[in-house]
Amino acid sequence: MGEDVLGVVVVSRSSGECADSLPAKQKPKVNHSDKRRNPMAELEINVRLALEQAPRLKNFLGAEFNQDWTLDWGSVEAVLKARIDEADETRRRELLREAQLLLRTLHSDDEFVVLLDFLGSGLVPGIDIDESPRTWLKHLHDRMQSGLSGV
């Protein structure tokens, strides 16, 4: 039986025969230069790259809005009040800078949903928040910014 480099049996689409039993000119050719785009993979790469630059916000979203966040907190508002409103100015500035970076980097709701999924978050846009994911991130940014001196 014919196997490619990954150990996969290569079969002719037209005859169903194994590639080794086909004459050389009929053997299927593997096109390694096929550059078809995978939009989901591109979204994941964009999200991962953005999160590398936002470790504090990554931790905030992943830890506070984990899979069972509703057991720890009564609402999204309770999380924001405790972790944003009551944070010291240095922490708020760090989170604000990272939220700005995410807003500049992630341009769609789909990217933000991928971000939440990547973090293993239990926060569900449309259920836990009544606005689009990116709009919510913008409001989170504005909340971080409010009350900071010199901003």
N, C-alpha and C. Protein backbone atom coordinates (compact mmCIF):
# COMPACT_ATOMS: atom_id res chain seq x y z
N MET A 1 0.84 -1.18 0.00
CA MET A 1 0.00 0.00 0.00
C MET A 1 0.88 1.24 0.00
N GLY A 2 0.44 2.28 -0.67
CA GLY A 2 1.21 3.52 -0.71
C GLY A 2 0.92 4.36 0.51
N GLU A 3 1.97 4.87 1.14
CA GLU A 3 1.80 5.76 2.28
C GLU A 3 2.58 7.04 2.02
N ASP A 4 1.97 8.17 2.41
CA ASP A 4 2.72 9.41 2.29
C ASP A 4 3.61 9.55 3.53
N VAL A 5 4.28 10.66 3.67
CA VAL A 5 5.23 10.83 4.77
C VAL A 5 4.58 10.79 6.15
N LEU A 6 3.29 11.01 6.23
CA LEU A 6 2.60 10.97 7.51
C LEU A 6 2.04 9.59 7.81
N GLY A 7 2.30 8.63 6.93
CA GLY A 7 1.80 7.28 7.15
C GLY A 7 0.36 7.10 6.73
N VAL A 8 -0.14 7.99 5.91
CA VAL A 8 -1.52 7.92 5.44
C VAL A 8 -1.54 7.20 4.10
N VAL A 9 -2.42 6.24 3.97
CA VAL A 9 -2.52 5.51 2.71
C VAL A 9 -3.09 6.44 1.65
N VAL A 10 -2.40 6.53 0.52
CA VAL A 10 -2.81 7.40 -0.57
C VAL A 10 -3.59 6.57 -1.57
N VAL A 11 -4.81 6.98 -1.86
CA VAL A 11 -5.68 6.25 -2.75
C VAL A 11 -6.11 7.16 -3.88
N SER A 12 -6.15 6.61 -5.09
CA SER A 12 -6.59 7.40 -6.23
C SER A 12 -8.07 7.69 -6.10
N ARG A 13 -8.46 8.95 -6.32
CA ARG A 13 -9.87 9.31 -6.25
C ARG A 13 -10.68 8.64 -7.35
N SER A 14 -10.08 8.51 -8.51
CA SER A 14 -10.84 8.00 -9.64
C SER A 14 -11.03 6.49 -9.60
N SER A 15 -10.01 5.74 -9.20
CA SER A 15 -10.13 4.28 -9.28
C SER A 15 -10.23 3.61 -7.93
N GLY A 16 -9.84 4.29 -6.87
CA GLY A 16 -9.86 3.68 -5.56
C GLY A 16 -8.64 2.81 -5.30
N GLU A 17 -7.68 2.77 -6.23
CA GLU A 17 -6.49 1.96 -6.06
C GLU A 17 -5.47 2.68 -5.20
N CYS A 18 -4.62 1.90 -4.53
CA CYS A 18 -3.52 2.49 -3.77
C CYS A 18 -2.53 3.10 -4.74
N ALA A 19 -1.89 4.16 -4.30
CA ALA A 19 -0.98 4.91 -5.17
C ALA A 19 0.17 4.06 -5.69
N ASP A 20 0.68 3.11 -4.89
CA ASP A 20 1.79 2.28 -5.35
C ASP A 20 1.43 1.41 -6.54
N SER A 21 0.17 1.08 -6.68
CA SER A 21 -0.22 0.22 -7.79
C SER A 21 -0.55 1.01 -9.05
N LEU A 22 -0.48 2.32 -8.99
CA LEU A 22 -0.76 3.16 -10.15
C LEU A 22 0.53 3.46 -10.89
N PRO A 23 0.46 3.60 -12.19
CA PRO A 23 1.63 4.05 -12.95
C PRO A 23 2.04 5.43 -12.44
N ALA A 24 3.32 5.74 -12.56
CA ALA A 24 3.88 6.98 -12.04
C ALA A 24 3.11 8.21 -12.49
N LYS A 25 2.71 8.27 -13.75
CA LYS A 25 2.02 9.47 -14.23
C LYS A 25 0.62 9.62 -13.64
N GLN A 26 0.06 8.54 -13.06
CA GLN A 26 -1.28 8.61 -12.48
C GLN A 26 -1.25 8.79 -10.95
N LYS A 27 -0.08 8.72 -10.34
CA LYS A 27 -0.02 8.86 -8.89
C LYS A 27 -0.47 10.26 -8.50
N PRO A 28 -1.28 10.34 -7.44
CA PRO A 28 -1.74 11.66 -7.00
C PRO A 28 -0.57 12.50 -6.55
N LYS A 29 -0.63 13.77 -6.87
CA LYS A 29 0.41 14.70 -6.48
C LYS A 29 -0.07 15.52 -5.30
N VAL A 30 0.78 15.67 -4.33
CA VAL A 30 0.46 16.47 -3.16
C VAL A 30 0.97 17.88 -3.41
N ASN A 31 0.09 18.83 -3.30
CA ASN A 31 0.47 20.22 -3.52
C ASN A 31 0.75 20.85 -2.16
N HIS A 32 2.02 20.92 -1.78
CA HIS A 32 2.39 21.50 -0.49
C HIS A 32 2.36 23.02 -0.51
N SER A 33 2.19 23.62 -1.65
CA SER A 33 2.14 25.08 -1.72
C SER A 33 0.70 25.60 -1.66
N ASP A 34 -0.26 24.70 -1.40
CA ASP A 34 -1.65 25.13 -1.30
C ASP A 34 -1.80 26.03 -0.08
N LYS A 35 -2.07 27.28 -0.29
CA LYS A 35 -2.11 28.28 0.78
C LYS A 35 -3.55 28.70 1.10
N ARG A 36 -4.46 27.73 1.10
CA ARG A 36 -5.83 28.08 1.43
C ARG A 36 -5.89 28.65 2.84
N ARG A 37 -6.68 29.69 2.99
CA ARG A 37 -6.80 30.36 4.28
C ARG A 37 -7.78 29.62 5.17
N ASN A 38 -7.46 29.57 6.42
CA ASN A 38 -8.35 29.01 7.43
C ASN A 38 -8.73 30.16 8.36
N PRO A 39 -9.90 30.76 8.14
CA PRO A 39 -10.28 31.95 8.91
C PRO A 39 -10.28 31.72 10.42
N MET A 40 -10.73 30.55 10.87
CA MET A 40 -10.76 30.29 12.30
C MET A 40 -9.35 30.24 12.89
N ALA A 41 -8.44 29.61 12.16
CA ALA A 41 -7.05 29.55 12.63
C ALA A 41 -6.45 30.96 12.69
N GLU A 42 -6.77 31.79 11.72
CA GLU A 42 -6.27 33.17 11.73
C GLU A 42 -6.83 33.94 12.92
N LEU A 43 -8.11 33.74 13.24
CA LEU A 43 -8.70 34.39 14.41
C LEU A 43 -7.96 33.96 15.68
N GLU A 44 -7.73 32.66 15.80
CA GLU A 44 -7.05 32.14 17.00
C GLU A 44 -5.63 32.70 17.11
N ILE A 45 -4.93 32.80 16.01
CA ILE A 45 -3.58 33.34 16.03
C ILE A 45 -3.61 34.80 16.45
N ASN A 46 -4.53 35.60 15.89
CA ASN A 46 -4.65 37.01 16.28
C ASN A 46 -4.94 37.15 17.76
N VAL A 47 -5.84 36.31 18.27
CA VAL A 47 -6.20 36.37 19.68
C VAL A 47 -5.00 36.00 20.56
N ARG A 48 -4.31 34.93 20.22
CA ARG A 48 -3.16 34.50 21.02
C ARG A 48 -2.06 35.57 21.03
N LEU A 49 -1.80 36.16 19.88
CA LEU A 49 -0.79 37.21 19.81
C LEU A 49 -1.19 38.42 20.65
N ALA A 50 -2.46 38.78 20.60
CA ALA A 50 -2.94 39.91 21.38
C ALA A 50 -2.83 39.61 22.88
N LEU A 51 -3.20 38.40 23.27
CA LEU A 51 -3.16 38.06 24.69
C LEU A 51 -1.75 38.00 25.25
N GLU A 52 -0.78 37.69 24.39
CA GLU A 52 0.62 37.70 24.85
C GLU A 52 1.02 39.10 25.33
N GLN A 53 0.38 40.10 24.75
CA GLN A 53 0.69 41.50 25.10
C GLN A 53 -0.21 42.01 26.22
N ALA A 54 -1.13 41.19 26.69
CA ALA A 54 -2.09 41.64 27.70
C ALA A 54 -2.22 40.61 28.82
N PRO A 55 -1.14 40.30 29.53
CA PRO A 55 -1.19 39.23 30.53
C PRO A 55 -2.12 39.53 31.71
N ARG A 56 -2.21 40.78 32.13
CA ARG A 56 -3.08 41.10 33.27
C ARG A 56 -4.55 40.99 32.90
N LEU A 57 -4.90 41.48 31.73
CA LEU A 57 -6.28 41.38 31.27
C LEU A 57 -6.64 39.93 30.96
N LYS A 58 -5.69 39.20 30.42
CA LYS A 58 -5.89 37.76 30.18
C LYS A 58 -6.20 37.07 31.50
N ASN A 59 -5.43 37.37 32.54
CA ASN A 59 -5.66 36.77 33.85
C ASN A 59 -7.01 37.20 34.42
N PHE A 60 -7.32 38.48 34.29
CA PHE A 60 -8.59 38.99 34.80
C PHE A 60 -9.77 38.28 34.14
N LEU A 61 -9.79 38.26 32.82
CA LEU A 61 -10.92 37.65 32.10
C LEU A 61 -10.98 36.14 32.32
N GLY A 62 -9.81 35.49 32.33
CA GLY A 62 -9.78 34.04 32.49
C GLY A 62 -10.08 33.58 33.91
N ALA A 63 -9.61 34.33 34.91
CA ALA A 63 -9.78 33.92 36.30
C ALA A 63 -11.14 34.36 36.87
N GLU A 64 -11.46 35.62 36.68
CA GLU A 64 -12.71 36.12 37.26
C GLU A 64 -13.94 35.61 36.54
N PHE A 65 -13.81 35.38 35.22
CA PHE A 65 -14.94 34.88 34.45
C PHE A 65 -14.65 33.44 34.00
N ASN A 66 -14.20 32.61 34.95
CA ASN A 66 -13.91 31.22 34.62
C ASN A 66 -15.21 30.45 34.37
N GLN A 67 -15.11 29.15 34.17
CA GLN A 67 -16.29 28.36 33.82
C GLN A 67 -17.41 28.43 34.86
N ASP A 68 -17.06 28.55 36.12
CA ASP A 68 -18.10 28.61 37.16
C ASP A 68 -18.10 29.95 37.90
N TRP A 69 -17.82 31.00 37.16
CA TRP A 69 -17.73 32.32 37.77
C TRP A 69 -19.01 32.73 38.48
N THR A 70 -20.14 32.25 38.02
CA THR A 70 -21.42 32.64 38.64
C THR A 70 -21.58 32.06 40.04
N LEU A 71 -20.78 31.04 40.38
CA LEU A 71 -20.81 30.52 41.74
C LEU A 71 -20.07 31.46 42.71
N ASP A 72 -19.09 32.18 42.18
CA ASP A 72 -18.30 33.09 43.00
C ASP A 72 -18.89 34.50 43.04
N TRP A 73 -19.56 34.88 41.98
CA TRP A 73 -20.07 36.23 41.84
C TRP A 73 -21.56 36.19 41.49
N GLY A 74 -22.28 37.17 41.94
CA GLY A 74 -23.71 37.22 41.63
C GLY A 74 -24.02 37.74 40.24
N SER A 75 -23.08 38.53 39.71
CA SER A 75 -23.33 39.14 38.41
C SER A 75 -22.02 39.65 37.82
N VAL A 76 -22.09 40.01 36.54
CA VAL A 76 -20.94 40.64 35.90
C VAL A 76 -20.62 41.95 36.63
N GLU A 77 -21.65 42.67 37.00
CA GLU A 77 -21.47 43.95 37.70
C GLU A 77 -20.70 43.75 39.01
N ALA A 78 -20.97 42.69 39.74
CA ALA A 78 -20.27 42.43 41.00
C ALA A 78 -18.78 42.21 40.76
N VAL A 79 -18.44 41.51 39.68
CA VAL A 79 -17.03 41.29 39.33
C VAL A 79 -16.37 42.62 39.01
N LEU A 80 -17.01 43.42 38.18
CA LEU A 80 -16.43 44.69 37.75
C LEU A 80 -16.26 45.65 38.92
N LYS A 81 -17.24 45.67 39.82
CA LYS A 81 -17.14 46.55 40.97
C LYS A 81 -15.96 46.16 41.85
N ALA A 82 -15.81 44.86 42.13
CA ALA A 82 -14.75 44.40 43.03
C ALA A 82 -13.37 44.45 42.39
N ARG A 83 -13.28 44.13 41.11
CA ARG A 83 -11.97 43.98 40.49
C ARG A 83 -11.51 45.17 39.65
N ILE A 84 -12.44 46.02 39.25
CA ILE A 84 -12.07 47.21 38.46
C ILE A 84 -12.26 48.47 39.30
N ASP A 85 -13.49 48.69 39.75
CA ASP A 85 -13.79 49.93 40.47
C ASP A 85 -12.96 50.07 41.75
N GLU A 86 -12.71 48.97 42.44
CA GLU A 86 -12.00 49.03 43.71
C GLU A 86 -10.50 48.76 43.57
N ALA A 87 -10.03 48.59 42.36
CA ALA A 87 -8.59 48.37 42.13
C ALA A 87 -7.83 49.67 42.32
N ASP A 88 -6.56 49.55 42.71
CA ASP A 88 -5.76 50.77 42.85
C ASP A 88 -5.45 51.34 41.47
N GLU A 89 -4.99 52.58 41.46
CA GLU A 89 -4.78 53.29 40.19
C GLU A 89 -3.75 52.59 39.30
N THR A 90 -2.70 52.05 39.89
CA THR A 90 -1.67 51.36 39.09
C THR A 90 -2.27 50.16 38.36
N ARG A 91 -3.03 49.37 39.08
CA ARG A 91 -3.67 48.19 38.48
C ARG A 91 -4.64 48.60 37.38
N ARG A 92 -5.42 49.62 37.62
CA ARG A 92 -6.38 50.09 36.61
C ARG A 92 -5.67 50.59 35.36
N ARG A 93 -4.56 51.29 35.54
CA ARG A 93 -3.80 51.78 34.39
C ARG A 93 -3.22 50.61 33.57
N GLU A 94 -2.75 49.58 34.26
CA GLU A 94 -2.22 48.41 33.55
C GLU A 94 -3.32 47.72 32.75
N LEU A 95 -4.47 47.53 33.39
CA LEU A 95 -5.59 46.89 32.69
C LEU A 95 -6.09 47.76 31.55
N LEU A 96 -6.12 49.07 31.77
CA LEU A 96 -6.55 50.00 30.72
C LEU A 96 -5.64 49.91 29.51
N ARG A 97 -4.34 49.93 29.73
CA ARG A 97 -3.38 49.84 28.61
C ARG A 97 -3.61 48.55 27.82
N GLU A 98 -3.83 47.46 28.53
CA GLU A 98 -4.04 46.18 27.84
C GLU A 98 -5.39 46.13 27.14
N ALA A 99 -6.42 46.74 27.72
CA ALA A 99 -7.72 46.80 27.06
C ALA A 99 -7.62 47.63 25.78
N GLN A 100 -6.85 48.72 25.83
CA GLN A 100 -6.63 49.54 24.63
C GLN A 100 -5.96 48.71 23.53
N LEU A 101 -4.99 47.92 23.93
CA LEU A 101 -4.29 47.07 22.97
C LEU A 101 -5.26 46.06 22.33
N LEU A 102 -6.09 45.43 23.14
CA LEU A 102 -7.05 44.46 22.60
C LEU A 102 -8.04 45.14 21.66
N LEU A 103 -8.48 46.33 22.02
CA LEU A 103 -9.42 47.05 21.15
C LEU A 103 -8.78 47.43 19.82
N ARG A 104 -7.48 47.75 19.84
CA ARG A 104 -6.77 48.06 18.59
C ARG A 104 -6.50 46.80 17.77
N THR A 105 -6.36 45.68 18.43
CA THR A 105 -5.94 44.45 17.76
C THR A 105 -7.12 43.59 17.31
N LEU A 106 -8.11 43.46 18.15
CA LEU A 106 -9.26 42.60 17.85
C LEU A 106 -10.39 43.48 17.33
N HIS A 107 -10.76 43.25 16.08
CA HIS A 107 -11.70 44.15 15.41
C HIS A 107 -13.12 43.62 15.31
N SER A 108 -13.35 42.38 15.70
CA SER A 108 -14.69 41.82 15.50
C SER A 108 -15.18 41.12 16.76
N ASP A 109 -16.47 40.95 16.82
CA ASP A 109 -17.07 40.18 17.91
C ASP A 109 -16.57 38.74 17.89
N ASP A 110 -16.38 38.19 16.69
CA ASP A 110 -15.90 36.82 16.57
C ASP A 110 -14.55 36.65 17.26
N GLU A 111 -13.67 37.62 17.09
CA GLU A 111 -12.35 37.53 17.73
C GLU A 111 -12.49 37.56 19.25
N PHE A 112 -13.39 38.37 19.76
CA PHE A 112 -13.57 38.43 21.21
C PHE A 112 -14.18 37.14 21.73
N VAL A 113 -15.09 36.52 20.98
CA VAL A 113 -15.67 35.24 21.38
C VAL A 113 -14.58 34.17 21.40
N VAL A 114 -13.70 34.17 20.40
CA VAL A 114 -12.57 33.24 20.37
C VAL A 114 -11.68 33.49 21.59
N LEU A 115 -11.46 34.75 21.94
CA LEU A 115 -10.66 35.09 23.11
C LEU A 115 -11.26 34.47 24.37
N LEU A 116 -12.56 34.65 24.58
CA LEU A 116 -13.21 34.08 25.75
C LEU A 116 -13.11 32.56 25.76
N ASP A 117 -13.31 31.96 24.59
CA ASP A 117 -13.22 30.51 24.48
C ASP A 117 -11.80 30.03 24.78
N PHE A 118 -10.81 30.71 24.23
CA PHE A 118 -9.41 30.35 24.45
C PHE A 118 -9.06 30.41 25.94
N LEU A 119 -9.62 31.38 26.65
CA LEU A 119 -9.36 31.53 28.07
C LEU A 119 -10.14 30.54 28.93
N GLY A 120 -11.05 29.79 28.31
CA GLY A 120 -11.88 28.87 29.08
C GLY A 120 -12.92 29.61 29.91
N SER A 121 -13.29 30.78 29.42
CA SER A 121 -14.22 31.63 30.16
C SER A 121 -15.64 31.08 30.10
N GLY A 122 -16.35 31.29 31.19
CA GLY A 122 -17.76 30.94 31.23
C GLY A 122 -18.66 32.11 30.93
N LEU A 123 -18.07 33.26 30.63
CA LEU A 123 -18.85 34.45 30.28
C LEU A 123 -19.44 34.26 28.89
N VAL A 124 -20.75 34.38 28.80
CA VAL A 124 -21.43 34.12 27.53
C VAL A 124 -22.09 35.40 27.03
N PRO A 125 -21.51 35.98 25.94
CA PRO A 125 -22.16 37.16 25.35
C PRO A 125 -23.58 36.82 24.91
N GLY A 126 -24.49 37.75 25.14
CA GLY A 126 -25.89 37.51 24.79
C GLY A 126 -26.68 36.93 25.94
N ILE A 127 -25.98 36.34 26.92
CA ILE A 127 -26.65 35.82 28.12
C ILE A 127 -26.19 36.61 29.34
N ASP A 128 -24.89 36.63 29.55
CA ASP A 128 -24.33 37.31 30.71
C ASP A 128 -24.15 38.81 30.48
N ILE A 129 -23.96 39.19 29.24
CA ILE A 129 -23.83 40.61 28.88
C ILE A 129 -24.83 40.90 27.76
N ASP A 130 -25.47 42.05 27.87
CA ASP A 130 -26.55 42.39 26.93
C ASP A 130 -26.09 43.25 25.76
N GLU A 131 -24.84 43.14 25.40
CA GLU A 131 -24.33 43.89 24.27
C GLU A 131 -23.33 43.03 23.52
N SER A 132 -22.92 43.49 22.37
CA SER A 132 -21.97 42.70 21.59
C SER A 132 -20.67 42.58 22.38
N PRO A 133 -19.92 41.51 22.16
CA PRO A 133 -18.68 41.31 22.92
C PRO A 133 -17.69 42.47 22.80
N ARG A 134 -17.52 42.99 21.60
CA ARG A 134 -16.56 44.08 21.42
C ARG A 134 -17.06 45.36 22.09
N THR A 135 -18.35 45.61 22.03
CA THR A 135 -18.92 46.77 22.71
C THR A 135 -18.73 46.64 24.22
N TRP A 136 -18.89 45.42 24.74
CA TRP A 136 -18.67 45.19 26.17
C TRP A 136 -17.22 45.47 26.54
N LEU A 137 -16.29 45.04 25.70
CA LEU A 137 -14.88 45.32 25.96
C LEU A 137 -14.63 46.83 25.96
N LYS A 138 -15.29 47.54 25.06
CA LYS A 138 -15.16 49.01 25.03
C LYS A 138 -15.70 49.62 26.32
N HIS A 139 -16.84 49.12 26.80
CA HIS A 139 -17.39 49.63 28.05
C HIS A 139 -16.49 49.26 29.24
N LEU A 140 -15.89 48.09 29.20
CA LEU A 140 -14.94 47.68 30.22
C LEU A 140 -13.74 48.65 30.22
N HIS A 141 -13.26 48.97 29.03
CA HIS A 141 -12.17 49.95 28.88
C HIS A 141 -12.57 51.29 29.49
N ASP A 142 -13.76 51.78 29.16
CA ASP A 142 -14.22 53.07 29.66
C ASP A 142 -14.33 53.06 31.17
N ARG A 143 -14.77 51.93 31.72
CA ARG A 143 -14.89 51.80 33.17
C ARG A 143 -13.52 51.84 33.84
N MET A 144 -12.56 51.18 33.22
CA MET A 144 -11.19 51.20 33.76
C MET A 144 -10.63 52.63 33.75
N GLN A 145 -11.00 53.37 32.72
CA GLN A 145 -10.48 54.73 32.53
C GLN A 145 -11.14 55.74 33.46
N SER A 146 -12.39 55.51 33.80
CA SER A 146 -13.11 56.51 34.61
C SER A 146 -12.47 56.64 35.99
N GLY A 147 -12.30 57.86 36.39
CA GLY A 147 -11.74 58.13 37.70
C GLY A 147 -10.24 58.15 37.76
N LEU A 148 -9.56 57.82 36.66
CA LEU A 148 -8.10 57.89 36.67
C LEU A 148 -7.66 59.33 36.44
N SER A 149 -6.67 59.74 37.15
CA SER A 149 -6.20 61.12 36.99
C SER A 149 -5.31 61.22 35.75
N GLY A 150 -5.46 62.31 35.03
CA GLY A 150 -4.62 62.58 33.87
C GLY A 150 -4.90 61.74 32.66
N VAL A 151 -6.08 61.14 32.58
CA VAL A 151 -6.42 60.32 31.41
C VAL A 151 -7.47 61.01 30.58
